[in-house]
N, C-alpha and C. Protein backbone atom coordinates (compact mmCIF):
# COMPACT_ATOMS: atom_id res chain seq x y z
N MET A 1 -34.38 -0.33 -61.26
CA MET A 1 -33.88 -1.51 -61.93
C MET A 1 -33.26 -1.14 -63.28
N LYS A 2 -33.91 -0.23 -63.99
CA LYS A 2 -33.43 0.17 -65.30
C LYS A 2 -32.10 0.91 -65.18
N LYS A 3 -31.94 1.73 -64.14
CA LYS A 3 -30.70 2.47 -63.95
C LYS A 3 -29.54 1.53 -63.64
N ILE A 4 -29.81 0.49 -62.89
CA ILE A 4 -28.76 -0.47 -62.56
C ILE A 4 -28.31 -1.20 -63.82
N LEU A 5 -29.26 -1.58 -64.66
CA LEU A 5 -28.93 -2.26 -65.90
C LEU A 5 -28.10 -1.35 -66.81
N VAL A 6 -28.50 -0.09 -66.91
CA VAL A 6 -27.76 0.87 -67.73
C VAL A 6 -26.36 1.08 -67.16
N ALA A 7 -26.25 1.11 -65.85
CA ALA A 7 -24.94 1.28 -65.21
C ALA A 7 -24.03 0.09 -65.53
N PHE A 8 -24.56 -1.13 -65.46
CA PHE A 8 -23.76 -2.31 -65.78
C PHE A 8 -23.34 -2.32 -67.25
N VAL A 9 -24.24 -1.96 -68.12
CA VAL A 9 -23.91 -1.90 -69.55
C VAL A 9 -22.82 -0.86 -69.79
N PHE A 10 -22.92 0.28 -69.12
CA PHE A 10 -21.91 1.33 -69.26
C PHE A 10 -20.56 0.85 -68.74
N LEU A 11 -20.55 0.22 -67.58
CA LEU A 11 -19.29 -0.29 -67.03
C LEU A 11 -18.68 -1.36 -67.93
N PHE A 12 -19.51 -2.21 -68.50
CA PHE A 12 -19.01 -3.23 -69.42
C PHE A 12 -18.39 -2.59 -70.65
N ALA A 13 -19.08 -1.57 -71.19
CA ALA A 13 -18.56 -0.89 -72.38
C ALA A 13 -17.24 -0.20 -72.08
N VAL A 14 -17.15 0.46 -70.95
CA VAL A 14 -15.92 1.14 -70.58
C VAL A 14 -14.79 0.14 -70.35
N SER A 15 -15.09 -0.97 -69.71
CA SER A 15 -14.05 -1.96 -69.44
C SER A 15 -13.53 -2.61 -70.72
N THR A 16 -14.39 -2.81 -71.70
CA THR A 16 -13.93 -3.41 -72.95
C THR A 16 -13.11 -2.43 -73.77
N VAL A 17 -13.39 -1.14 -73.63
CA VAL A 17 -12.63 -0.14 -74.38
C VAL A 17 -11.23 0.00 -73.81
N PHE A 18 -11.10 0.00 -72.50
CA PHE A 18 -9.81 0.23 -71.86
C PHE A 18 -9.00 -1.05 -71.65
N THR A 19 -9.59 -2.19 -71.88
CA THR A 19 -8.88 -3.45 -71.73
C THR A 19 -8.67 -4.04 -73.11
N GLY A 20 -7.51 -3.76 -73.70
CA GLY A 20 -7.22 -4.29 -75.02
C GLY A 20 -6.46 -5.60 -74.91
N CYS A 21 -6.47 -6.37 -75.95
CA CYS A 21 -5.72 -7.62 -75.95
C CYS A 21 -4.77 -7.62 -77.14
N ARG A 22 -3.87 -6.66 -77.12
CA ARG A 22 -2.86 -6.62 -78.17
C ARG A 22 -1.80 -7.66 -77.89
N ASP A 23 -1.22 -8.16 -78.94
CA ASP A 23 -0.14 -9.12 -78.80
C ASP A 23 1.17 -8.33 -78.86
N GLU A 24 1.72 -8.06 -77.68
CA GLU A 24 2.96 -7.29 -77.62
C GLU A 24 4.14 -8.25 -77.62
N LYS A 25 5.13 -7.93 -78.44
CA LYS A 25 6.29 -8.79 -78.56
C LYS A 25 7.33 -8.40 -77.52
N GLU A 26 8.05 -9.40 -77.06
CA GLU A 26 9.17 -9.19 -76.16
C GLU A 26 10.33 -8.61 -76.97
N PRO A 27 11.24 -7.89 -76.33
CA PRO A 27 12.39 -7.36 -77.07
C PRO A 27 13.21 -8.45 -77.76
N SER A 28 13.34 -9.60 -77.12
CA SER A 28 14.11 -10.68 -77.75
C SER A 28 13.42 -11.19 -79.02
N GLU A 29 12.09 -11.20 -79.02
CA GLU A 29 11.35 -11.62 -80.21
C GLU A 29 11.53 -10.61 -81.34
N LYS A 30 11.55 -9.32 -80.99
CA LYS A 30 11.76 -8.29 -82.01
C LYS A 30 13.14 -8.42 -82.63
N ILE A 31 14.15 -8.68 -81.79
CA ILE A 31 15.52 -8.82 -82.30
C ILE A 31 15.62 -10.04 -83.20
N GLU A 32 15.04 -11.15 -82.76
CA GLU A 32 15.08 -12.37 -83.56
C GLU A 32 14.42 -12.16 -84.92
N GLU A 33 13.28 -11.49 -84.93
CA GLU A 33 12.58 -11.24 -86.18
C GLU A 33 13.42 -10.36 -87.11
N THR A 34 14.06 -9.34 -86.55
CA THR A 34 14.90 -8.45 -87.35
C THR A 34 16.09 -9.20 -87.93
N VAL A 35 16.71 -10.06 -87.12
CA VAL A 35 17.86 -10.84 -87.60
C VAL A 35 17.43 -11.76 -88.74
N GLU A 36 16.28 -12.38 -88.62
CA GLU A 36 15.80 -13.25 -89.69
C GLU A 36 15.53 -12.47 -90.97
N GLU A 37 14.96 -11.26 -90.84
CA GLU A 37 14.70 -10.43 -92.02
C GLU A 37 15.99 -10.02 -92.70
N VAL A 38 17.00 -9.65 -91.90
CA VAL A 38 18.29 -9.27 -92.47
C VAL A 38 18.93 -10.47 -93.17
N GLY A 39 18.84 -11.63 -92.55
CA GLY A 39 19.38 -12.85 -93.17
C GLY A 39 18.71 -13.14 -94.50
N ASP A 40 17.41 -12.99 -94.56
CA ASP A 40 16.68 -13.21 -95.82
C ASP A 40 17.10 -12.20 -96.88
N ASP A 41 17.28 -10.94 -96.47
CA ASP A 41 17.71 -9.91 -97.40
C ASP A 41 19.11 -10.20 -97.95
N VAL A 42 20.00 -10.68 -97.08
CA VAL A 42 21.36 -11.02 -97.52
C VAL A 42 21.31 -12.18 -98.51
N GLU A 43 20.50 -13.18 -98.24
CA GLU A 43 20.39 -14.31 -99.16
C GLU A 43 19.85 -13.86 -100.51
N ASP A 44 18.85 -12.99 -100.50
CA ASP A 44 18.29 -12.49 -101.75
C ASP A 44 19.33 -11.70 -102.54
N ALA A 45 20.09 -10.87 -101.84
CA ALA A 45 21.13 -10.08 -102.52
C ALA A 45 22.20 -11.00 -103.10
N ALA A 46 22.59 -12.04 -102.38
CA ALA A 46 23.59 -12.98 -102.88
C ALA A 46 23.07 -13.70 -104.12
N ASP A 47 21.81 -14.07 -104.12
CA ASP A 47 21.23 -14.72 -105.29
C ASP A 47 21.23 -13.79 -106.50
N GLU A 48 20.92 -12.52 -106.27
CA GLU A 48 20.91 -11.55 -107.37
C GLU A 48 22.32 -11.35 -107.93
N VAL A 49 23.30 -11.28 -107.04
CA VAL A 49 24.69 -11.11 -107.50
C VAL A 49 25.13 -12.35 -108.27
N GLY A 50 24.76 -13.53 -107.78
CA GLY A 50 25.12 -14.76 -108.47
C GLY A 50 24.50 -14.81 -109.85
N ASP A 51 23.26 -14.40 -109.99
CA ASP A 51 22.59 -14.37 -111.29
C ASP A 51 23.27 -13.37 -112.22
N ALA A 52 23.66 -12.21 -111.68
CA ALA A 52 24.34 -11.20 -112.50
C ALA A 52 25.69 -11.72 -112.99
N VAL A 53 26.41 -12.41 -112.13
CA VAL A 53 27.71 -12.97 -112.52
C VAL A 53 27.53 -14.01 -113.62
N GLU A 54 26.52 -14.86 -113.47
CA GLU A 54 26.28 -15.87 -114.50
C GLU A 54 25.91 -15.23 -115.83
N ASP A 55 25.13 -14.15 -115.79
CA ASP A 55 24.77 -13.46 -117.02
C ASP A 55 26.00 -12.86 -117.70
N VAL A 56 26.91 -12.30 -116.91
CA VAL A 56 28.14 -11.73 -117.47
C VAL A 56 29.01 -12.80 -118.07
N VAL A 57 29.11 -13.93 -117.39
CA VAL A 57 29.94 -15.04 -117.89
C VAL A 57 29.33 -15.59 -119.18
N ASP A 58 28.03 -15.67 -119.27
CA ASP A 58 27.37 -16.16 -120.47
C ASP A 58 27.60 -15.24 -121.66
N ASP A 59 27.68 -13.94 -121.39
CA ASP A 59 27.90 -12.98 -122.50
C ASP A 59 29.34 -13.05 -122.91
């Protein structure tokens, strides 16, 4: 009886190690995320350029 219990515990431990539940993204989700990041970076750069232009005009 003890060996059967140990065997079940071992099988459970092995199954939980080899069965992961990672959240894998689809390629389309990766592309969409990258496009959004690039868009945000472009907006930030445009804001910085606009601020620099205003500073030059003020001087």
